[in-house]
């Protein structure tokens, strides 16, 4: 299960993030202050982290982010 919430507390430079919950579901948090198109792009990006099981990898987060942006 993937939950999606919007937050107006994120910094402007942060489109959002994903977290894995204790019940193995995920929550994608999107920046409420971004445009629909920015939110959609961020959602797709965070979804790629879920699909690629990035939360189960021991790789450094900056390296994973680099790969996801290629």
N, C-alpha and C. Protein backbone atom coordinates (compact mmCIF):
# COMPACT_ATOMS: atom_id res chain seq x y z
N UNK A 1 0.84 -1.16 0.00
CA UNK A 1 0.00 0.00 0.00
C UNK A 1 0.90 1.24 0.00
N UNK A 2 0.48 2.23 -0.76
CA UNK A 2 1.20 3.50 -0.82
C UNK A 2 0.23 4.61 -0.42
N UNK A 3 0.56 5.31 0.65
CA UNK A 3 -0.21 6.47 1.09
C UNK A 3 0.47 7.72 0.55
N UNK A 4 -0.29 8.72 0.22
CA UNK A 4 0.27 9.97 -0.25
C UNK A 4 -0.31 11.11 0.58
N UNK A 5 0.60 11.95 1.08
CA UNK A 5 0.15 13.12 1.83
C UNK A 5 0.87 14.36 1.29
N UNK A 6 0.28 15.51 1.54
CA UNK A 6 0.85 16.79 1.13
C UNK A 6 1.23 17.57 2.37
N UNK A 7 2.41 18.19 2.33
CA UNK A 7 2.87 18.97 3.47
C UNK A 7 3.29 20.36 2.99
N UNK A 8 2.86 21.37 3.72
CA UNK A 8 3.30 22.73 3.41
C UNK A 8 4.47 23.13 4.32
N UNK A 9 5.05 22.17 5.01
CA UNK A 9 6.18 22.41 5.92
C UNK A 9 7.54 22.09 5.30
N UNK A 10 7.56 21.55 4.08
CA UNK A 10 8.83 21.19 3.45
C UNK A 10 9.52 22.43 2.90
N UNK A 11 10.86 22.44 2.89
CA UNK A 11 11.59 23.56 2.27
C UNK A 11 11.26 23.64 0.78
N UNK A 12 11.36 24.82 0.23
CA UNK A 12 11.02 25.02 -1.19
C UNK A 12 11.84 24.13 -2.11
N UNK A 13 13.09 23.84 -1.74
CA UNK A 13 13.97 23.03 -2.59
C UNK A 13 13.65 21.54 -2.52
N UNK A 14 12.80 21.14 -1.60
CA UNK A 14 12.46 19.73 -1.42
C UNK A 14 11.10 19.44 -2.04
N UNK A 15 11.10 18.59 -3.06
CA UNK A 15 9.85 18.22 -3.71
C UNK A 15 9.05 17.22 -2.90
N UNK A 16 9.76 16.41 -2.12
CA UNK A 16 9.10 15.41 -1.31
C UNK A 16 10.05 14.28 -0.96
N UNK A 17 9.49 13.26 -0.35
CA UNK A 17 10.29 12.10 0.03
C UNK A 17 9.35 10.92 0.25
N UNK A 18 9.95 9.73 0.36
CA UNK A 18 9.18 8.52 0.66
C UNK A 18 9.76 7.89 1.91
N UNK A 19 8.89 7.29 2.70
CA UNK A 19 9.36 6.54 3.86
C UNK A 19 8.65 5.19 3.89
N UNK A 20 9.40 4.19 4.35
CA UNK A 20 8.82 2.86 4.52
C UNK A 20 8.28 2.78 5.94
N UNK A 21 7.04 2.37 6.06
CA UNK A 21 6.38 2.28 7.36
C UNK A 21 6.62 0.92 8.01
N UNK A 22 6.36 0.82 9.30
CA UNK A 22 6.58 -0.42 10.04
C UNK A 22 5.78 -1.59 9.49
N UNK A 23 4.63 -1.33 8.88
CA UNK A 23 3.78 -2.40 8.34
C UNK A 23 4.13 -2.73 6.88
N UNK A 24 5.30 -2.26 6.42
CA UNK A 24 5.79 -2.47 5.05
C UNK A 24 5.01 -1.71 3.99
N UNK A 25 4.13 -0.80 4.39
CA UNK A 25 3.52 0.11 3.43
C UNK A 25 4.48 1.29 3.27
N UNK A 26 4.14 2.20 2.37
CA UNK A 26 4.97 3.38 2.12
C UNK A 26 4.12 4.62 2.22
N UNK A 27 4.76 5.71 2.59
CA UNK A 27 4.11 7.02 2.56
C UNK A 27 4.97 7.95 1.74
N UNK A 28 4.37 8.52 0.70
CA UNK A 28 5.03 9.54 -0.11
C UNK A 28 4.51 10.89 0.36
N UNK A 29 5.44 11.76 0.74
CA UNK A 29 5.10 13.11 1.19
C UNK A 29 5.49 14.07 0.08
N UNK A 30 4.53 14.84 -0.40
CA UNK A 30 4.77 15.81 -1.47
C UNK A 30 4.66 17.23 -0.94
N UNK A 31 5.44 18.11 -1.52
CA UNK A 31 5.43 19.51 -1.13
C UNK A 31 4.15 20.17 -1.65
N UNK A 32 3.30 20.58 -0.73
CA UNK A 32 2.01 21.19 -1.09
C UNK A 32 2.17 22.53 -1.79
N UNK A 33 3.34 23.14 -1.65
CA UNK A 33 3.57 24.46 -2.26
C UNK A 33 4.08 24.37 -3.70
N UNK A 34 4.32 23.18 -4.18
CA UNK A 34 4.79 23.01 -5.56
C UNK A 34 3.60 22.88 -6.51
N UNK A 35 3.85 23.11 -7.77
CA UNK A 35 2.79 23.00 -8.78
C UNK A 35 2.40 21.52 -8.97
N UNK A 36 1.28 21.33 -9.59
CA UNK A 36 0.82 19.97 -9.89
C UNK A 36 1.88 19.21 -10.69
N UNK A 37 2.46 19.86 -11.70
CA UNK A 37 3.47 19.18 -12.53
C UNK A 37 4.71 18.81 -11.71
N UNK A 38 5.13 19.68 -10.80
CA UNK A 38 6.27 19.36 -9.94
C UNK A 38 5.93 18.21 -9.00
N UNK A 39 4.73 18.24 -8.45
CA UNK A 39 4.30 17.16 -7.56
C UNK A 39 4.23 15.83 -8.30
N UNK A 40 3.73 15.88 -9.51
CA UNK A 40 3.64 14.65 -10.30
C UNK A 40 5.02 14.07 -10.59
N UNK A 41 5.96 14.93 -10.95
CA UNK A 41 7.33 14.48 -11.22
C UNK A 41 7.96 13.91 -9.94
N UNK A 42 7.74 14.57 -8.83
CA UNK A 42 8.28 14.09 -7.55
C UNK A 42 7.66 12.75 -7.19
N UNK A 43 6.36 12.60 -7.39
CA UNK A 43 5.68 11.34 -7.09
C UNK A 43 6.29 10.21 -7.90
N UNK A 44 6.49 10.44 -9.19
CA UNK A 44 7.09 9.41 -10.04
C UNK A 44 8.50 9.07 -9.57
N UNK A 45 9.25 10.07 -9.16
CA UNK A 45 10.61 9.85 -8.67
C UNK A 45 10.59 9.01 -7.39
N UNK A 46 9.73 9.37 -6.46
CA UNK A 46 9.65 8.62 -5.20
C UNK A 46 9.13 7.21 -5.43
N UNK A 47 8.22 7.06 -6.37
CA UNK A 47 7.72 5.73 -6.74
C UNK A 47 8.86 4.86 -7.27
N UNK A 48 9.79 5.46 -8.00
CA UNK A 48 10.94 4.68 -8.51
C UNK A 48 11.78 4.14 -7.35
N UNK A 49 11.87 4.88 -6.24
CA UNK A 49 12.58 4.37 -5.08
C UNK A 49 11.89 3.13 -4.52
N UNK A 50 10.56 3.15 -4.50
CA UNK A 50 9.80 2.00 -4.00
C UNK A 50 9.98 0.81 -4.94
N UNK A 51 9.79 1.03 -6.23
CA UNK A 51 9.89 -0.05 -7.22
C UNK A 51 11.26 -0.70 -7.20
N UNK A 52 12.30 0.11 -6.99
CA UNK A 52 13.68 -0.41 -7.00
C UNK A 52 14.16 -0.85 -5.62
N UNK A 53 13.24 -0.89 -4.65
CA UNK A 53 13.56 -1.35 -3.29
C UNK A 53 14.75 -0.61 -2.70
N UNK A 54 14.85 0.68 -2.94
CA UNK A 54 15.98 1.46 -2.45
C UNK A 54 16.06 1.47 -0.93
N UNK A 55 14.95 1.30 -0.25
CA UNK A 55 14.98 1.32 1.22
C UNK A 55 15.65 0.08 1.79
N UNK A 56 15.77 -0.97 0.98
CA UNK A 56 16.40 -2.19 1.44
C UNK A 56 17.88 -2.25 1.08
N UNK A 57 18.36 -1.26 0.37
CA UNK A 57 19.75 -1.25 -0.07
C UNK A 57 20.62 -0.52 0.96
N UNK A 58 21.85 -0.92 1.03
CA UNK A 58 22.80 -0.31 1.96
C UNK A 58 23.60 0.81 1.31
N UNK A 59 23.32 1.09 0.03
CA UNK A 59 24.07 2.12 -0.69
C UNK A 59 23.84 3.49 -0.05
N UNK A 60 24.77 4.36 -0.26
CA UNK A 60 24.67 5.73 0.23
C UNK A 60 23.54 6.45 -0.50
N UNK A 61 22.74 7.22 0.19
CA UNK A 61 21.56 7.87 -0.38
C UNK A 61 21.91 8.81 -1.53
N UNK A 62 23.04 9.51 -1.45
CA UNK A 62 23.41 10.41 -2.54
C UNK A 62 23.69 9.63 -3.83
N UNK A 63 24.28 8.46 -3.70
CA UNK A 63 24.53 7.62 -4.88
C UNK A 63 23.21 7.13 -5.48
N UNK A 64 22.29 6.71 -4.62
CA UNK A 64 20.98 6.26 -5.10
C UNK A 64 20.25 7.40 -5.80
N UNK A 65 20.27 8.59 -5.22
CA UNK A 65 19.62 9.74 -5.85
C UNK A 65 20.25 10.04 -7.21
N UNK A 66 21.56 9.93 -7.30
CA UNK A 66 22.26 10.16 -8.58
C UNK A 66 21.76 9.17 -9.62
N UNK A 67 21.66 7.91 -9.26
CA UNK A 67 21.19 6.88 -10.20
C UNK A 67 19.77 7.16 -10.65
N UNK A 68 18.90 7.55 -9.74
CA UNK A 68 17.49 7.79 -10.07
C UNK A 68 17.30 9.01 -10.98
N UNK A 69 18.28 9.90 -11.01
CA UNK A 69 18.17 11.11 -11.84
C UNK A 69 18.85 10.95 -13.20
N UNK A 70 19.41 9.79 -13.46
CA UNK A 70 20.07 9.57 -14.77
C UNK A 70 19.02 9.31 -15.82
